[in-house]
Amino acid sequence: MEINNDMELLEILRSARAEGKTVSVIGTGTHSHKTADVVVSTLKMADFEIKGQEVIAQAGSSVTKIREEAMSSDLLFPSLYDGTVGGLLALNEAYPISTGYGTPYMFTQWAKIVTPVGILKWKGLIGSKGLLGGFTEASMKLYPRPHKVVTFTKRVETEELIKLYSQAVGMKPLAFLVEYDNGYRLHVSLAEGELEGLESYEGVPVVEESDKGSYMVKTEDLSSFMKLMEAVKPIYAYYIHGVKWSKVYTSEESELHGWEYFPTADVPSIVKKLKRILDHWSILV
């Protein structure tokens, strides 16, 4: 079922509540594999407009198209997500460039979301994965586009990682990524300057995108990530500077006890608490 505006979505949620049905809101559906009685698509809501260093976009707008149009104006839309704006906001996924530009929550100025209790203008629901409502429109920041980005990388021991961290953070990196795979590998992306003694390549690093067998673990900083790695020694993990959660792949969830975490496919506990307020009928799945 396709919608043209937020009032149509609100009416669908009200009808579903009265009929005891479940609803799932999707864009392209590429990143969502939910089943529900009613599946609502926002793809008809695909308008967006760039005004200065801001884009105002409807939920069904293509992130790729926004990124391309911004680039033609020498601007950067700071996400590598390949779906719609609604999905971008619902997932709030971090990428290595979140070091320099923040997560979608951070670069969003405001967002409209349709919930079972009404239409809200509240960016605080970004990252709720469709369980609290469907996003319909948002204003997001654009940034001057760097013309050349070089990533410096090296497999390092603990002491060298700490030393390079202190050096790199002062250089205002666009990306600061540490991967763990039976040891540490550092990636630092810079628009200016260089890190001597490291290999380099043009562009920014990419990370594992599969959620299977992974958990989001609270790590306030690099130090807490390193403590986590020493304690768990996972199959694979990565830390992005400026993002408070690290992605950890392990076959033993019990190893994470004592840490604040949740399965990547799930949501943080605060979303579950808000669910009891905004959708205690469990309409949205």
C-alpha atoms as a PDB file:
ATOM      1  CA  MET A   1       0.000   0.000   0.000  1.00  0.00           C
ATOM      2  CA  GLU A   2       1.518   3.327  -1.074  1.00  0.00           C
ATOM      3  CA  ILE A   3       0.906   6.636   0.671  1.00  0.00           C
ATOM      4  CA  ASN A   4       1.162  10.236  -0.549  1.00  0.00           C
ATOM      5  CA  ASN A   5       1.338  12.120   2.764  1.00  0.00           C
ATOM      6  CA  ASP A   6       1.541  11.743   6.527  1.00  0.00           C
ATOM      7  CA  MET A   7      -2.223  12.043   7.060  1.00  0.00           C
ATOM      8  CA  GLU A   8      -2.779   8.912   4.963  1.00  0.00           C
ATOM      9  CA  LEU A   9      -0.298   7.014   7.137  1.00  0.00           C
ATOM     10  CA  LEU A  10      -1.980   8.260  10.305  1.00  0.00           C
ATOM     11  CA  GLU A  11      -5.351   7.018   9.039  1.00  0.00           C
ATOM     12  CA  ILE A  12      -3.853   3.594   8.232  1.00  0.00           C
ATOM     13  CA  LEU A  13      -2.455   3.323  11.765  1.00  0.00           C
ATOM     14  CA  ARG A  14      -5.789   4.323  13.287  1.00  0.00           C
ATOM     15  CA  SER A  15      -7.648   1.749  11.180  1.00  0.00           C
ATOM     16  CA  ALA A  16      -5.106  -0.943  12.076  1.00  0.00           C
ATOM     17  CA  ARG A  17      -5.538  -0.125  15.753  1.00  0.00           C
ATOM     18  CA  ALA A  18      -9.326  -0.505  15.479  1.00  0.00           C
ATOM     19  CA  GLU A  19      -9.024  -3.766  13.518  1.00  0.00           C
ATOM     20  CA  GLY A  20      -6.200  -5.287  15.559  1.00  0.00           C
ATOM     21  CA  LYS A  21      -3.821  -5.427  12.593  1.00  0.00           C
ATOM     22  CA  THR A  22      -0.056  -4.943  12.407  1.00  0.00           C
ATOM     23  CA  VAL A  23       1.672  -2.402  10.146  1.00  0.00           C
ATOM     24  CA  SER A  24       5.163  -2.177   8.674  1.00  0.00           C
ATOM     25  CA  VAL A  25       6.428   1.006   6.995  1.00  0.00           C
ATOM     26  CA  ILE A  26       9.068   0.544   4.276  1.00  0.00           C
ATOM     27  CA  GLY A  27      10.812   2.468   1.510  1.00  0.00           C
ATOM     28  CA  THR A  28      12.404   0.260  -1.129  1.00  0.00           C
ATOM     29  CA  GLY A  29      12.126  -2.742   1.189  1.00  0.00           C
ATOM     30  CA  THR A  30      15.774  -3.659   0.545  1.00  0.00           C
ATOM     31  CA  HIS A  31      16.790  -3.185   4.171  1.00  0.00           C
ATOM     32  CA  SER A  32      13.558  -4.404   5.775  1.00  0.00           C
ATOM     33  CA  HIS A  33      12.462  -8.033   5.954  1.00  0.00           C
ATOM     34  CA  LYS A  34       9.461  -7.647   8.251  1.00  0.00           C
ATOM     35  CA  THR A  35       6.082  -9.287   7.819  1.00  0.00           C
ATOM     36  CA  ALA A  36       2.870  -7.484   8.763  1.00  0.00           C
ATOM     37  CA  ASP A  37      -0.842  -7.466   7.972  1.00  0.00           C
ATOM     38  CA  VAL A  38      -0.422  -4.114   6.220  1.00  0.00           C
ATOM     39  CA  VAL A  39       2.815  -3.083   4.481  1.00  0.00           C
ATOM     40  CA  VAL A  40       3.002   0.642   3.738  1.00  0.00           C
ATOM     41  CA  SER A  41       5.449   2.066   1.183  1.00  0.00           C
ATOM     42  CA  THR A  42       6.652   5.680   1.209  1.00  0.00           C
ATOM     43  CA  LEU A  43       8.142   5.551  -2.318  1.00  0.00           C
ATOM     44  CA  LYS A  44       5.576   8.021  -3.717  1.00  0.00           C
ATOM     45  CA  MET A  45       6.814  10.570  -1.172  1.00  0.00           C
ATOM     46  CA  ALA A  46      10.068  11.170  -3.043  1.00  0.00           C
ATOM     47  CA  ASP A  47      10.403  14.965  -3.210  1.00  0.00           C
ATOM     48  CA  PHE A  48      13.459  16.740  -1.844  1.00  0.00           C
ATOM     49  CA  GLU A  49      14.938  20.227  -2.119  1.00  0.00           C
ATOM     50  CA  ILE A  50      18.442  21.474  -1.413  1.00  0.00           C
ATOM     51  CA  LYS A  51      18.556  24.951   0.138  1.00  0.00           C
ATOM     52  CA  GLY A  52      22.056  26.165   0.872  1.00  0.00           C
ATOM     53  CA  GLN A  53      23.686  23.661   3.216  1.00  0.00           C
ATOM     54  CA  GLU A  54      20.419  21.873   4.005  1.00  0.00           C
ATOM     55  CA  VAL A  55      18.218  19.323   2.300  1.00  0.00           C
ATOM     56  CA  ILE A  56      14.527  18.964   3.131  1.00  0.00           C
ATOM     57  CA  ALA A  57      13.421  15.534   1.992  1.00  0.00           C
ATOM     58  CA  GLN A  58      10.370  13.298   2.126  1.00  0.00           C
ATOM     59  CA  ALA A  59      10.751   9.766   3.454  1.00  0.00           C
ATOM     60  CA  GLY A  60      10.698   8.056   0.062  1.00  0.00           C
ATOM     61  CA  SER A  61      13.513  10.194  -1.347  1.00  0.00           C
ATOM     62  CA  SER A  62      16.558   8.303  -2.592  1.00  0.00           C
ATOM     63  CA  VAL A  63      19.643   8.958  -0.474  1.00  0.00           C
ATOM     64  CA  THR A  64      21.779   8.217  -3.534  1.00  0.00           C
ATOM     65  CA  LYS A  65      19.981  10.904  -5.578  1.00  0.00           C
ATOM     66  CA  ILE A  66      20.344  13.424  -2.746  1.00  0.00           C
ATOM     67  CA  ARG A  67      24.036  12.625  -2.500  1.00  0.00           C
ATOM     68  CA  GLU A  68      24.500  13.065  -6.278  1.00  0.00           C
ATOM     69  CA  GLU A  69      22.601  16.370  -6.443  1.00  0.00           C
ATOM     70  CA  ALA A  70      24.498  17.696  -3.426  1.00  0.00           C
ATOM     71  CA  MET A  71      27.773  16.724  -5.106  1.00  0.00           C
ATOM     72  CA  SER A  72      26.829  18.741  -8.210  1.00  0.00           C
ATOM     73  CA  SER A  73      26.731  21.788  -5.897  1.00  0.00           C
ATOM     74  CA  ASP A  74      30.089  20.825  -4.353  1.00  0.00           C
ATOM     75  CA  LEU A  75      28.341  19.659  -1.186  1.00  0.00           C
ATOM     76  CA  LEU A  76      28.447  16.402   0.739  1.00  0.00           C
ATOM     77  CA  PHE A  77      25.522  14.429   2.124  1.00  0.00           C
ATOM     78  CA  PRO A  78      27.395  12.455   4.814  1.00  0.00           C
ATOM     79  CA  SER A  79      25.968   8.952   4.517  1.00  0.00           C
ATOM     80  CA  LEU A  80      26.815   5.907   2.413  1.00  0.00           C
ATOM     81  CA  TYR A  81      23.335   4.412   2.940  1.00  0.00           C
ATOM     82  CA  ASP A  82      21.753   3.180  -0.314  1.00  0.00           C
ATOM     83  CA  GLY A  83      18.037   3.272   0.542  1.00  0.00           C
ATOM     84  CA  THR A  84      15.486   5.991   1.260  1.00  0.00           C
ATOM     85  CA  VAL A  85      15.552   8.851   3.742  1.00  0.00           C
ATOM     86  CA  GLY A  86      12.943   7.056   5.861  1.00  0.00           C
ATOM     87  CA  GLY A  87      15.180   4.004   6.148  1.00  0.00           C
ATOM     88  CA  LEU A  88      18.211   6.169   6.890  1.00  0.00           C
ATOM     89  CA  LEU A  89      16.389   7.736   9.844  1.00  0.00           C
ATOM     90  CA  ALA A  90      14.835   4.489  11.035  1.00  0.00           C
ATOM     91  CA  LEU A  91      18.195   2.688  11.177  1.00  0.00           C
ATOM     92  CA  ASN A  92      20.537   5.549  12.176  1.00  0.00           C
ATOM     93  CA  GLU A  93      23.503   3.507  10.990  1.00  0.00           C
ATOM     94  CA  ALA A  94      27.015   4.762  11.619  1.00  0.00           C
ATOM     95  CA  TYR A  95      29.701   4.694   8.945  1.00  0.00           C
ATOM     96  CA  PRO A  96      33.417   5.454   9.291  1.00  0.00           C
ATOM     97  CA  ILE A  97      32.751   9.055   8.141  1.00  0.00           C
ATOM     98  CA  SER A  98      30.493   9.464  11.180  1.00  0.00           C
ATOM     99  CA  THR A  99      33.710  10.527  12.931  1.00  0.00           C
ATOM    100  CA  GLY A 100      33.698  13.772  10.986  1.00  0.00           C
ATOM    101  CA  TYR A 101      30.004  14.299  10.288  1.00  0.00           C
ATOM    102  CA  GLY A 102      28.080  12.333  12.890  1.00  0.00           C
ATOM    103  CA  THR A 103      25.339   9.735  12.583  1.00  0.00           C
ATOM    104  CA  PRO A 104      22.019  10.532  10.837  1.00  0.00           C
ATOM    105  CA  TYR A 105      20.668  11.584  14.248  1.00  0.00           C
ATOM    106  CA  MET A 106      23.483  14.104  14.578  1.00  0.00           C
ATOM    107  CA  PHE A 107      23.184  15.705  11.123  1.00  0.00           C
ATOM    108  CA  THR A 108      19.369  15.762  11.112  1.00  0.00           C
ATOM    109  CA  GLN A 109      17.913  19.110  12.193  1.00  0.00           C
ATOM    110  CA  TRP A 110      14.308  17.979  12.528  1.00  0.00           C
ATOM    111  CA  ALA A 111      12.197  14.992  11.521  1.00  0.00           C
ATOM    112  CA  LYS A 112       8.464  14.319  11.246  1.00  0.00           C
ATOM    113  CA  ILE A 113       7.221  10.900  12.275  1.00  0.00           C
ATOM    114  CA  VAL A 114       3.701   9.452  12.244  1.00  0.00           C
ATOM    115  CA  THR A 115       2.974   7.374  15.350  1.00  0.00           C
ATOM    116  CA  PRO A 116      -0.214   5.645  16.528  1.00  0.00           C
ATOM    117  CA  VAL A 117      -0.825   8.599  18.884  1.00  0.00           C
ATOM    118  CA  GLY A 118      -0.319  11.314  16.259  1.00  0.00           C
ATOM    119  CA  ILE A 119       2.179  13.167  14.078  1.00  0.00           C
ATOM    120  CA  LEU A 120       5.291  14.320  15.928  1.00  0.00           C
ATOM    121  CA  LYS A 121       8.182  16.582  14.954  1.00  0.00           C
ATOM    122  CA  TRP A 122      10.810  14.873  17.072  1.00  0.00           C
ATOM    123  CA  LYS A 123      14.264  13.728  15.978  1.00  0.00           C
ATOM    124  CA  GLY A 124      14.585  11.795  19.239  1.00  0.00           C
ATOM    125  CA  LEU A 125      12.841   8.833  17.573  1.00  0.00           C
ATOM    126  CA  ILE A 126      15.581   8.419  14.956  1.00  0.00           C
ATOM    127  CA  GLY A 127      16.970   4.881  15.163  1.00  0.00           C
ATOM    128  CA  SER A 128      13.720   3.274  16.346  1.00  0.00           C
ATOM    129  CA  LYS A 129      13.649   0.925  13.304  1.00  0.00           C
ATOM    130  CA  GLY A 130       9.989   1.486  12.488  1.00  0.00           C
ATOM    131  CA  LEU A 131       8.719   0.253  15.857  1.00  0.00           C
ATOM    132  CA  LEU A 132       7.431   3.658  16.982  1.00  0.00           C
ATOM    133  CA  GLY A 133       6.231   5.159  13.710  1.00  0.00           C
ATOM    134  CA  GLY A 134       7.018   5.998  10.107  1.00  0.00           C
ATOM    135  CA  PHE A 135       9.181   8.989   9.213  1.00  0.00           C
ATOM    136  CA  THR A 136       7.668  11.214   6.539  1.00  0.00           C
ATOM    137  CA  GLU A 137       9.969  14.233   6.206  1.00  0.00           C
ATOM    138  CA  ALA A 138      13.227  15.615   7.570  1.00  0.00           C
ATOM    139  CA  SER A 139      15.711  18.459   7.326  1.00  0.00           C
ATOM    140  CA  MET A 140      19.355  17.364   7.199  1.00  0.00           C
ATOM    141  CA  LYS A 141      22.646  19.210   7.008  1.00  0.00           C
ATOM    142  CA  LEU A 142      24.946  19.255   4.001  1.00  0.00           C
ATOM    143  CA  TYR A 143      28.655  19.995   4.219  1.00  0.00           C
ATOM    144  CA  PRO A 144      31.393  21.376   1.954  1.00  0.00           C
ATOM    145  CA  ARG A 145      32.690  18.462  -0.112  1.00  0.00           C
ATOM    146  CA  PRO A 146      36.358  17.595   0.424  1.00  0.00           C
ATOM    147  CA  HIS A 147      38.056  17.303  -2.969  1.00  0.00           C
ATOM    148  CA  LYS A 148      40.538  14.661  -1.922  1.00  0.00           C
ATOM    149  CA  VAL A 149      40.438  12.205   0.959  1.00  0.00           C
ATOM    150  CA  VAL A 150      43.334   9.904   1.763  1.00  0.00           C
ATOM    151  CA  THR A 151      43.058   7.049   4.251  1.00  0.00           C
ATOM    152  CA  PHE A 152      46.125   5.957   6.205  1.00  0.00           C
ATOM    153  CA  THR A 153      46.103   2.417   7.534  1.00  0.00           C
ATOM    154  CA  LYS A 154      48.297   0.079   9.542  1.00  0.00           C
ATOM    155  CA  ARG A 155      48.033  -3.089  11.614  1.00  0.00           C
ATOM    156  CA  VAL A 156      49.207  -1.999  15.056  1.00  0.00           C
ATOM    157  CA  GLU A 157      49.921  -3.206  18.563  1.00  0.00           C
ATOM    158  CA  THR A 158      48.200  -1.641  21.567  1.00  0.00           C
ATOM    159  CA  GLU A 159      50.841   0.965  22.433  1.00  0.00           C
ATOM    160  CA  GLU A 160      51.196   2.204  18.855  1.00  0.00           C
ATOM    161  CA  LEU A 161      47.410   2.402  18.480  1.00  0.00           C
ATOM    162  CA  ILE A 162      47.177   4.679  21.516  1.00  0.00           C
ATOM    163  CA  LYS A 163      50.018   6.860  20.196  1.00  0.00           C
ATOM    164  CA  LEU A 164      48.493   7.167  16.717  1.00  0.00           C
ATOM    165  CA  TYR A 165      45.078   7.893  18.227  1.00  0.00           C
ATOM    166  CA  SER A 166      46.475  10.899  20.094  1.00  0.00           C
ATOM    167  CA  GLN A 167      48.162  12.140  16.928  1.00  0.00           C
ATOM    168  CA  ALA A 168      45.262  11.537  14.539  1.00  0.00           C
ATOM    169  CA  VAL A 169      42.436  13.010  16.610  1.00  0.00           C
ATOM    170  CA  GLY A 170      44.211  16.363  16.619  1.00  0.00           C
ATOM    171  CA  MET A 171      44.195  16.332  12.803  1.00  0.00           C
ATOM    172  CA  LYS A 172      40.368  16.396  12.640  1.00  0.00           C
ATOM    173  CA  PRO A 173      39.936  13.128  10.710  1.00  0.00           C
ATOM    174  CA  LEU A 174      36.865  12.556   8.551  1.00  0.00           C
ATOM    175  CA  ALA A 175      37.012   8.888   9.553  1.00  0.00           C
ATOM    176  CA  PHE A 176      38.763   7.146  12.428  1.00  0.00           C
ATOM    177  CA  LEU A 177      38.098   3.418  12.332  1.00  0.00           C
ATOM    178  CA  VAL A 178      39.684   0.641  14.364  1.00  0.00           C
ATOM    179  CA  GLU A 179      39.004  -2.935  13.262  1.00  0.00           C
ATOM    180  CA  TYR A 180      39.686  -5.912  15.500  1.00  0.00           C
ATOM    181  CA  ASP A 181      40.477  -9.259  13.888  1.00  0.00           C
ATOM    182  CA  ASN A 182      42.834 -11.087  16.232  1.00  0.00           C
ATOM    183  CA  GLY A 183      44.635  -7.747  16.477  1.00  0.00           C
ATOM    184  CA  TYR A 184      44.025  -4.108  15.603  1.00  0.00           C
ATOM    185  CA  ARG A 185      44.026  -2.344  12.246  1.00  0.00           C
ATOM    186  CA  LEU A 186      43.721   1.429  12.204  1.00  0.00           C
ATOM    187  CA  HIS A 187      42.202   3.507   9.376  1.00  0.00           C
ATOM    188  CA  VAL A 188      42.383   7.315   9.474  1.00  0.00           C
ATOM    189  CA  SER A 189      40.878   9.410   6.655  1.00  0.00           C
ATOM    190  CA  LEU A 190      42.195  12.951   6.207  1.00  0.00           C
ATOM    191  CA  ALA A 191      41.342  15.805   3.849  1.00  0.00           C
ATOM    192  CA  GLU A 192      44.596  17.524   4.837  1.00  0.00           C
ATOM    193  CA  GLY A 193      47.903  16.332   6.241  1.00  0.00           C
ATOM    194  CA  GLU A 194      49.336  12.829   6.496  1.00  0.00           C
ATOM    195  CA  LEU A 195      50.429  10.178   8.966  1.00  0.00           C
ATOM    196  CA  GLU A 196      53.987   9.093   8.323  1.00  0.00           C
ATOM    197  CA  GLY A 197      54.901   5.426   8.240  1.00  0.00           C
ATOM    198  CA  LEU A 198      51.413   4.181   7.311  1.00  0.00           C
ATOM    199  CA  GLU A 199      50.131   2.720   4.054  1.00  0.00           C
ATOM    200  CA  SER A 200      47.617   4.926   2.251  1.00  0.00           C
ATOM    201  CA  TYR A 201      44.828   4.816  -0.324  1.00  0.00           C
ATOM    202  CA  GLU A 202      42.354   7.339  -1.715  1.00  0.00           C
ATOM    203  CA  GLY A 203      38.797   7.292  -0.388  1.00  0.00           C
ATOM    204  CA  VAL A 204      37.284   6.192   2.904  1.00  0.00           C
ATOM    205  CA  PRO A 205      37.229   2.760   4.566  1.00  0.00           C
ATOM    206  CA  VAL A 206      34.217   0.449   4.522  1.00  0.00           C
ATOM    207  CA  VAL A 207      33.160  -2.061   7.152  1.00  0.00           C
ATOM    208  CA  GLU A 208      31.219  -5.323   7.478  1.00  0.00           C
ATOM    209  CA  GLU A 209      27.509  -4.648   6.857  1.00  0.00           C
ATOM    210  CA  SER A 210      25.984  -8.007   7.775  1.00  0.00           C
ATOM    211  CA  ASP A 211      24.090  -7.996  11.076  1.00  0.00           C
ATOM    212  CA  LYS A 212      24.094 -11.782  11.530  1.00  0.00           C
ATOM    213  CA  GLY A 213      25.800 -12.803  14.760  1.00  0.00           C
ATOM    214  CA  SER A 214      26.559  -9.208  15.721  1.00  0.00           C
ATOM    215  CA  TYR A 215      25.822  -6.991  18.706  1.00  0.00           C
ATOM    216  CA  MET A 216      25.992  -3.275  19.381  1.00  0.00           C
ATOM    217  CA  VAL A 217      28.038  -2.704  22.536  1.00  0.00           C
ATOM    218  CA  LYS A 218      28.327   0.611  24.403  1.00  0.00           C
ATOM    219  CA  THR A 219      31.896   1.912  24.184  1.00  0.00           C
ATOM    220  CA  GLU A 220      32.387   5.517  25.253  1.00  0.00           C
ATOM    221  CA  ASP A 221      35.860   5.794  23.748  1.00  0.00           C
ATOM    222  CA  LEU A 222      38.796   3.880  22.281  1.00  0.00           C
ATOM    223  CA  SER A 223      39.966   2.831  25.734  1.00  0.00           C
ATOM    224  CA  SER A 224      36.674   1.097  26.541  1.00  0.00           C
ATOM    225  CA  PHE A 225      36.692  -0.586  23.101  1.00  0.00           C
ATOM    226  CA  MET A 226      40.162  -1.973  23.776  1.00  0.00           C
ATOM    227  CA  LYS A 227      39.062  -3.251  27.193  1.00  0.00           C
ATOM    228  CA  LEU A 228      36.115  -4.952  25.496  1.00  0.00           C
ATOM    229  CA  MET A 229      38.404  -6.608  22.948  1.00  0.00           C
ATOM    230  CA  GLU A 230      40.738  -7.865  25.688  1.00  0.00           C
ATOM    231  CA  ALA A 231      37.794  -9.342  27.600  1.00  0.00           C
ATOM    232  CA  VAL A 232      35.830 -10.875  24.715  1.00  0.00           C
ATOM    233  CA  LYS A 233      38.331 -11.475  21.876  1.00  0.00           C
ATOM    234  CA  PRO A 234      35.504 -11.592  19.310  1.00  0.00           C
ATOM    235  CA  ILE A 235      35.569 -12.992  15.795  1.00  0.00           C
ATOM    236  CA  TYR A 236      35.516  -9.444  14.437  1.00  0.00           C
ATOM    237  CA  ALA A 237      34.619  -5.980  15.730  1.00  0.00           C
ATOM    238  CA  TYR A 238      35.025  -2.340  14.865  1.00  0.00           C
ATOM    239  CA  TYR A 239      35.063   1.022  16.615  1.00  0.00           C
ATOM    240  CA  ILE A 240      34.299   4.393  14.991  1.00  0.00           C
ATOM    241  CA  HIS A 241      35.564   7.414  16.893  1.00  0.00           C
ATOM    242  CA  GLY A 242      32.693   9.711  17.863  1.00  0.00           C
ATOM    243  CA  VAL A 243      30.109   6.910  17.860  1.00  0.00           C
ATOM    244  CA  LYS A 244      29.244   5.523  21.289  1.00  0.00           C
ATOM    245  CA  TRP A 245      28.480   1.989  20.097  1.00  0.00           C
ATOM    246  CA  SER A 246      30.831  -0.603  18.608  1.00  0.00           C
ATOM    247  CA  LYS A 247      29.741  -3.510  16.428  1.00  0.00           C
ATOM    248  CA  VAL A 248      30.932  -6.865  17.748  1.00  0.00           C
ATOM    249  CA  TYR A 249      30.642 -10.281  16.086  1.00  0.00           C
ATOM    250  CA  THR A 250      30.730 -13.188  18.516  1.00  0.00           C
ATOM    251  CA  SER A 251      29.171 -16.637  18.709  1.00  0.00           C
ATOM    252  CA  GLU A 252      28.963 -16.406  22.512  1.00  0.00           C
ATOM    253  CA  GLU A 253      26.533 -13.715  23.651  1.00  0.00           C
ATOM    254  CA  SER A 254      27.292 -14.624  27.278  1.00  0.00           C
ATOM    255  CA  GLU A 255      30.754 -13.069  26.817  1.00  0.00           C
ATOM    256  CA  LEU A 256      29.080  -9.659  26.642  1.00  0.00           C
ATOM    257  CA  HIS A 257      27.473  -9.906  30.068  1.00  0.00           C
ATOM    258  CA  GLY A 258      28.517  -6.938  32.152  1.00  0.00           C
ATOM    259  CA  TRP A 259      28.481  -4.657  29.112  1.00  0.00           C
ATOM    260  CA  GLU A 260      25.549  -2.591  27.852  1.00  0.00           C
ATOM    261  CA  TYR A 261      24.571  -4.182  24.540  1.00  0.00           C
ATOM    262  CA  PHE A 262      21.775  -5.368  22.271  1.00  0.00           C
ATOM    263  CA  PRO A 263      21.612  -7.574  19.138  1.00  0.00           C
ATOM    264  CA  THR A 264      22.215  -5.419  16.050  1.00  0.00           C
ATOM    265  CA  ALA A 265      18.847  -6.413  14.562  1.00  0.00           C
ATOM    266  CA  ASP A 266      17.109  -5.286  17.778  1.00  0.00           C
ATOM    267  CA  VAL A 267      16.755  -1.784  19.284  1.00  0.00           C
ATOM    268  CA  PRO A 268      18.142  -0.070  22.410  1.00  0.00           C
ATOM    269  CA  SER A 269      16.137  -0.450  25.619  1.00  0.00           C
ATOM    270  CA  ILE A 270      14.932   3.170  25.460  1.00  0.00           C
ATOM    271  CA  VAL A 271      13.006   2.377  22.255  1.00  0.00           C
ATOM    272  CA  LYS A 272      11.230  -0.491  24.008  1.00  0.00           C
ATOM    273  CA  LYS A 273      10.259   1.863  26.838  1.00  0.00           C
ATOM    274  CA  LEU A 274       8.890   4.415  24.371  1.00  0.00           C
ATOM    275  CA  LYS A 275       7.000   1.620  22.606  1.00  0.00           C
ATOM    276  CA  ARG A 276       4.879   1.185  25.724  1.00  0.00           C
ATOM    277  CA  ILE A 277       3.907   4.856  25.505  1.00  0.00           C
ATOM    278  CA  LEU A 278       3.548   5.507  21.777  1.00  0.00           C
ATOM    279  CA  ASP A 279       2.401   2.079  20.591  1.00  0.00           C
ATOM    280  CA  HIS A 280       1.255  -0.083  23.488  1.00  0.00           C
ATOM    281  CA  TRP A 281      -1.148  -1.722  21.030  1.00  0.00           C
ATOM    282  CA  SER A 282       1.903  -3.161  19.174  1.00  0.00           C
ATOM    283  CA  ILE A 283       0.581  -2.000  15.813  1.00  0.00           C
ATOM    284  CA  LEU A 284       3.992  -1.286  14.312  1.00  0.00           C
ATOM    285  CA  VAL A 285       6.425  -4.111  13.642  1.00  0.00           C
END
